[in-house]
């Protein structure tokens, strides 16, 4: 049975809702595995205009998300170690997220939003 992109998105959303209801990290892992193949299955695409002009929009996006994670963590009075423990990651992962050197997955964004009592959109620029 072949699963198209729309079905993958619906399955991932269902798993994220399951996480919100149960707090089961396995649902997040499964959603992450379903979402990631979508990013690599694209057929030939036209080059991104930002890449041709030498700009680095993705790096700036990751840095801005990281800045917001740090801001919300500091507002909550948590250390990087505490935040990592609450979402099941190590302190080094939190450092990488805050520094903008590592992409934050969608399921991780949902977990961070829950910890900070914010919406996922508060973490996005």
Protein backbone atom coordinates (compact mmCIF):
# COMPACT_ATOMS: atom_id res chain seq x y z
CA UNK A 1 0.00 0.00 0.00
CA UNK A 2 1.47 3.31 -1.10
CA UNK A 3 1.00 6.27 1.23
CA UNK A 4 0.96 9.69 -0.41
CA UNK A 5 2.07 12.96 1.13
CA UNK A 6 -1.41 13.98 2.29
CA UNK A 7 -1.83 10.66 4.11
CA UNK A 8 1.57 11.05 5.78
CA UNK A 9 0.61 14.49 7.06
CA UNK A 10 -2.71 13.21 8.43
CA UNK A 11 -0.96 10.29 10.14
CA UNK A 12 1.67 12.59 11.65
CA UNK A 13 -0.98 15.01 12.92
CA UNK A 14 -2.86 12.10 14.49
CA UNK A 15 0.32 10.95 16.25
CA UNK A 16 1.04 14.46 17.52
CA UNK A 17 -2.51 14.68 18.88
CA UNK A 18 -1.93 11.33 20.59
CA UNK A 19 1.20 12.78 22.22
CA UNK A 20 -0.78 15.82 23.41
CA UNK A 21 -3.38 13.53 25.01
CA UNK A 22 -1.13 10.84 26.47
CA UNK A 23 2.33 12.39 26.75
CA UNK A 24 3.75 9.24 25.10
CA UNK A 25 7.13 10.07 23.50
CA UNK A 26 6.78 7.06 21.15
CA UNK A 27 4.04 8.95 19.31
CA UNK A 28 6.47 11.85 18.76
CA UNK A 29 9.16 9.49 17.45
CA UNK A 30 6.73 7.87 15.02
CA UNK A 31 5.48 11.26 13.83
CA UNK A 32 9.06 12.39 13.27
CA UNK A 33 9.81 9.27 11.20
CA UNK A 34 6.72 9.88 9.08
CA UNK A 35 7.47 13.58 8.54
CA UNK A 36 11.16 13.30 7.61
CA UNK A 37 10.75 11.11 4.49
CA UNK A 38 8.56 13.83 3.00
CA UNK A 39 11.52 16.22 2.98
CA UNK A 40 13.70 13.85 0.94
CA UNK A 41 11.18 12.55 -1.62
CA UNK A 42 10.92 15.71 -3.73
CA UNK A 43 11.58 15.26 -7.45
CA UNK A 44 13.87 17.70 -9.26
CA UNK A 45 13.16 21.22 -8.07
CA UNK A 46 14.15 24.60 -9.31
CA UNK A 47 17.03 26.17 -7.37
CA UNK A 48 15.95 28.38 -4.52
CA UNK A 49 16.43 32.10 -5.40
CA UNK A 50 17.87 32.78 -1.93
CA UNK A 51 20.57 30.18 -2.50
CA UNK A 52 21.53 31.72 -5.83
CA UNK A 53 21.90 35.16 -4.27
CA UNK A 54 24.21 33.85 -1.54
CA UNK A 55 21.77 34.47 1.33
CA UNK A 56 21.36 31.83 4.02
CA UNK A 57 17.69 32.04 5.06
CA UNK A 58 17.60 28.64 6.78
CA UNK A 59 20.47 29.48 9.11
CA UNK A 60 18.72 32.68 10.10
CA UNK A 61 15.49 30.77 10.70
CA UNK A 62 17.25 28.25 12.97
CA UNK A 63 19.01 31.05 14.85
CA UNK A 64 15.72 32.89 15.42
CA UNK A 65 13.98 29.73 16.67
CA UNK A 66 16.97 29.09 18.94
CA UNK A 67 16.83 32.65 20.27
CA UNK A 68 13.17 32.18 21.15
CA UNK A 69 13.83 28.84 22.84
CA UNK A 70 16.52 30.48 24.98
CA UNK A 71 14.26 33.44 25.76
CA UNK A 72 11.37 31.21 26.90
CA UNK A 73 13.75 28.96 28.87
CA UNK A 74 15.20 31.95 30.71
CA UNK A 75 11.70 33.34 31.40
CA UNK A 76 10.79 29.96 32.90
CA UNK A 77 13.91 29.99 35.08
CA UNK A 78 15.13 26.63 33.73
CA UNK A 79 18.68 25.57 33.03
CA UNK A 80 19.55 23.88 29.76
CA UNK A 81 19.95 20.63 31.70
CA UNK A 82 16.43 20.92 33.20
CA UNK A 83 14.85 21.72 29.85
CA UNK A 84 16.61 18.77 28.25
CA UNK A 85 15.36 16.42 30.96
CA UNK A 86 11.79 17.65 30.57
CA UNK A 87 11.71 16.87 26.85
CA UNK A 88 13.98 13.82 26.89
CA UNK A 89 17.11 15.36 25.34
CA UNK A 90 20.62 16.05 26.59
CA UNK A 91 21.97 19.49 27.47
CA UNK A 92 24.14 19.52 24.34
CA UNK A 93 21.04 19.24 22.14
CA UNK A 94 19.52 22.27 23.88
CA UNK A 95 22.77 24.19 23.37
CA UNK A 96 22.72 23.30 19.65
CA UNK A 97 19.07 24.34 19.31
CA UNK A 98 19.63 27.65 21.09
CA UNK A 99 22.71 28.38 19.03
CA UNK A 100 20.86 27.70 15.79
CA UNK A 101 23.37 25.05 14.70
CA UNK A 102 20.82 22.21 14.71
CA UNK A 103 17.38 22.07 13.12
CA UNK A 104 14.57 21.62 15.63
CA UNK A 105 12.10 18.95 14.49
CA UNK A 106 8.38 19.62 14.52
CA UNK A 107 7.71 17.09 17.30
CA UNK A 108 10.43 18.72 19.42
CA UNK A 109 8.84 22.12 18.81
CA UNK A 110 5.55 20.72 20.13
CA UNK A 111 7.28 19.36 23.24
CA UNK A 112 9.04 22.69 23.84
CA UNK A 113 5.78 24.59 23.42
CA UNK A 114 4.17 22.32 26.03
CA UNK A 115 7.01 22.86 28.51
CA UNK A 116 6.87 26.64 28.08
CA UNK A 117 3.05 26.68 28.09
CA UNK A 118 3.10 28.40 24.69
CA UNK A 119 1.84 27.52 21.22
CA UNK A 120 4.18 26.20 18.57
CA UNK A 121 3.63 29.45 16.68
CA UNK A 122 5.21 31.40 19.56
CA UNK A 123 8.46 29.55 18.83
CA UNK A 124 8.38 30.30 15.11
CA UNK A 125 9.37 33.66 13.60
